[in-house]
Amino acid sequence: MNSPLASPLRWVAIVMLLGTAGTHVPLVPEHLEEAPYVGVLFIALSVASIVLAVLLVRWDSPLVWTASGVMTVLALIAFFASRTVGLPQIGDDIGNWGDPLGYPAVAVEALVTAAAAIVLANRPHRRASDLG
């Protein structure tokens, strides 16, 4: 279940996960003031992105790919929610599609999500007869 997959897409995901952290770290101070929970979530997203990037270097497994894909799809959902229906304390983000870090963040998160989906969909599956 968690044996290394040695996917060539892991290097793309590693760079994109680091990009996820890089697009959110600069926003932490202003969000800690404006909406502290968003600032804390940006810190958590950045730390988790770096940890997952390191894990993909060393432990390219379905578990790490799943965590990477789930985390980035949740970040994408949060971004689109903040721009459409709004989130508490940051209602001024509704319709703010022109944020300079928004497009790079969406791009890198979408690439990690897509890479994770591709890798997980194409991983070799073990049959019960192969296990024993």
Protein backbone atom coordinates (compact mmCIF):
# COMPACT_ATOMS: atom_id res chain seq x y z
CA MET A 1 0.00 0.00 0.00
CA ASN A 2 2.73 2.49 0.86
CA SER A 3 5.64 1.18 -1.17
CA PRO A 4 7.52 3.78 -3.22
CA LEU A 5 6.00 4.57 -6.61
CA ALA A 6 9.06 6.25 -8.17
CA SER A 7 6.82 8.51 -10.21
CA PRO A 8 8.55 10.99 -12.50
CA LEU A 9 5.75 13.43 -11.60
CA ARG A 10 7.03 13.64 -8.05
CA TRP A 11 9.62 16.26 -9.06
CA VAL A 12 6.88 18.42 -10.57
CA ALA A 13 4.83 18.01 -7.40
CA ILE A 14 7.82 18.81 -5.18
CA VAL A 15 8.47 22.09 -6.98
CA MET A 16 4.76 22.96 -7.01
CA LEU A 17 4.39 22.17 -3.29
CA LEU A 18 7.28 24.53 -2.59
CA GLY A 19 5.50 27.05 -4.81
CA THR A 20 2.36 26.62 -2.71
CA ALA A 21 4.33 27.55 0.38
CA GLY A 22 6.04 30.40 -1.44
CA THR A 23 2.76 31.98 -2.55
CA HIS A 24 1.23 31.87 0.93
CA VAL A 25 4.09 32.85 3.25
CA PRO A 26 4.12 36.50 2.07
CA LEU A 27 0.39 36.77 2.89
CA VAL A 28 0.66 35.51 6.47
CA PRO A 29 1.33 38.82 8.30
CA GLU A 30 -1.60 40.73 6.76
CA HIS A 31 -3.97 37.81 7.28
CA LEU A 32 -2.92 37.31 10.90
CA GLU A 33 -4.09 40.89 11.47
CA GLU A 34 -7.19 40.89 9.27
CA ALA A 35 -8.46 37.34 9.87
CA PRO A 36 -6.20 35.42 12.26
CA TYR A 37 -7.66 32.02 11.36
CA VAL A 38 -6.72 32.58 7.70
CA GLY A 39 -3.18 33.53 8.69
CA VAL A 40 -2.91 30.36 10.79
CA LEU A 41 -4.30 28.29 7.92
CA PHE A 42 -1.74 29.85 5.54
CA ILE A 43 1.03 28.93 7.99
CA ALA A 44 -0.31 25.37 8.28
CA LEU A 45 -0.63 25.08 4.48
CA SER A 46 2.92 26.36 3.98
CA VAL A 47 4.43 24.04 6.59
CA ALA A 48 2.45 21.04 5.32
CA SER A 49 3.48 21.82 1.73
CA ILE A 50 7.15 21.86 2.67
CA VAL A 51 6.83 18.67 4.71
CA LEU A 52 5.02 16.89 1.88
CA ALA A 53 7.64 18.07 -0.64
CA VAL A 54 10.39 16.61 1.55
CA LEU A 55 8.42 13.39 2.00
CA LEU A 56 7.98 13.05 -1.77
CA VAL A 57 11.73 13.29 -2.21
CA ARG A 58 12.29 10.47 0.23
CA TRP A 59 9.03 8.50 0.44
CA ASP A 60 7.11 8.66 -2.83
CA SER A 61 4.11 6.65 -1.61
CA PRO A 62 0.34 6.58 -2.17
CA LEU A 63 -0.17 8.01 1.33
CA VAL A 64 2.01 11.06 0.61
CA TRP A 65 0.41 11.54 -2.81
CA THR A 66 -3.06 11.32 -1.30
CA ALA A 67 -2.19 13.85 1.41
CA SER A 68 -0.71 16.20 -1.21
CA GLY A 69 -3.74 15.96 -3.47
CA VAL A 70 -6.27 16.37 -0.68
CA MET A 71 -4.44 19.35 0.82
CA THR A 72 -4.15 21.19 -2.49
CA VAL A 73 -7.73 20.53 -3.55
CA LEU A 74 -8.89 21.90 -0.18
CA ALA A 75 -6.72 24.99 -0.74
CA LEU A 76 -8.31 25.45 -4.17
CA ILE A 77 -11.80 25.13 -2.70
CA ALA A 78 -10.96 27.70 -0.02
CA PHE A 79 -9.59 30.11 -2.65
CA PHE A 80 -12.69 29.86 -4.83
CA ALA A 81 -14.98 30.10 -1.80
CA SER A 82 -13.20 33.26 -0.65
CA ARG A 83 -13.66 34.84 -4.09
CA THR A 84 -17.30 33.80 -4.60
CA VAL A 85 -19.36 33.35 -1.44
CA GLY A 86 -16.74 34.82 0.87
CA LEU A 87 -15.23 33.64 4.12
CA PRO A 88 -15.70 35.15 7.59
CA GLN A 89 -13.60 38.28 8.25
CA ILE A 90 -12.34 38.47 4.65
CA GLY A 91 -15.52 39.37 2.80
CA ASP A 92 -13.56 42.03 0.90
CA ASP A 93 -11.94 39.17 -1.07
CA ILE A 94 -15.23 38.45 -2.85
CA GLY A 95 -14.60 39.16 -6.52
CA ASN A 96 -10.90 39.90 -5.93
CA TRP A 97 -9.66 37.77 -8.80
CA GLY A 98 -6.76 40.11 -9.50
CA ASP A 99 -4.67 39.36 -6.41
CA PRO A 100 -1.09 39.03 -7.76
CA LEU A 101 -0.39 35.83 -5.80
CA GLY A 102 -3.79 34.30 -6.51
CA TYR A 103 -3.10 32.97 -10.00
CA PRO A 104 0.29 31.45 -9.15
CA ALA A 105 -1.22 29.83 -6.02
CA VAL A 106 -4.10 28.35 -8.00
CA ALA A 107 -1.74 27.16 -10.73
CA VAL A 108 0.66 25.33 -8.42
CA GLU A 109 -2.14 23.84 -6.32
CA ALA A 110 -3.98 22.65 -9.43
CA LEU A 111 -0.80 21.04 -10.76
CA VAL A 112 -0.20 19.16 -7.50
CA THR A 113 -3.84 18.03 -7.45
CA ALA A 114 -3.62 16.84 -11.06
CA ALA A 115 -0.26 15.10 -10.52
CA ALA A 116 -1.60 13.32 -7.44
CA ALA A 117 -4.70 12.17 -9.31
CA ILE A 118 -2.62 10.89 -12.24
CA VAL A 119 -0.10 9.08 -10.06
CA LEU A 120 -2.75 7.49 -7.84
CA ALA A 121 -4.90 6.45 -10.79
CA ASN A 122 -1.94 4.81 -12.52
CA ARG A 123 -0.24 3.14 -9.57
CA PRO A 124 0.14 -0.62 -9.69
CA HIS A 125 -2.54 -2.38 -7.69
CA ARG A 126 -1.73 -5.46 -5.68
CA ARG A 127 -4.05 -8.40 -5.85
CA ALA A 128 -4.79 -10.46 -2.77
CA SER A 129 -3.04 -13.42 -4.46
CA ASP A 130 0.19 -11.33 -4.71
CA LEU A 131 0.31 -10.78 -0.96
CA GLY A 132 0.82 -14.24 0.28
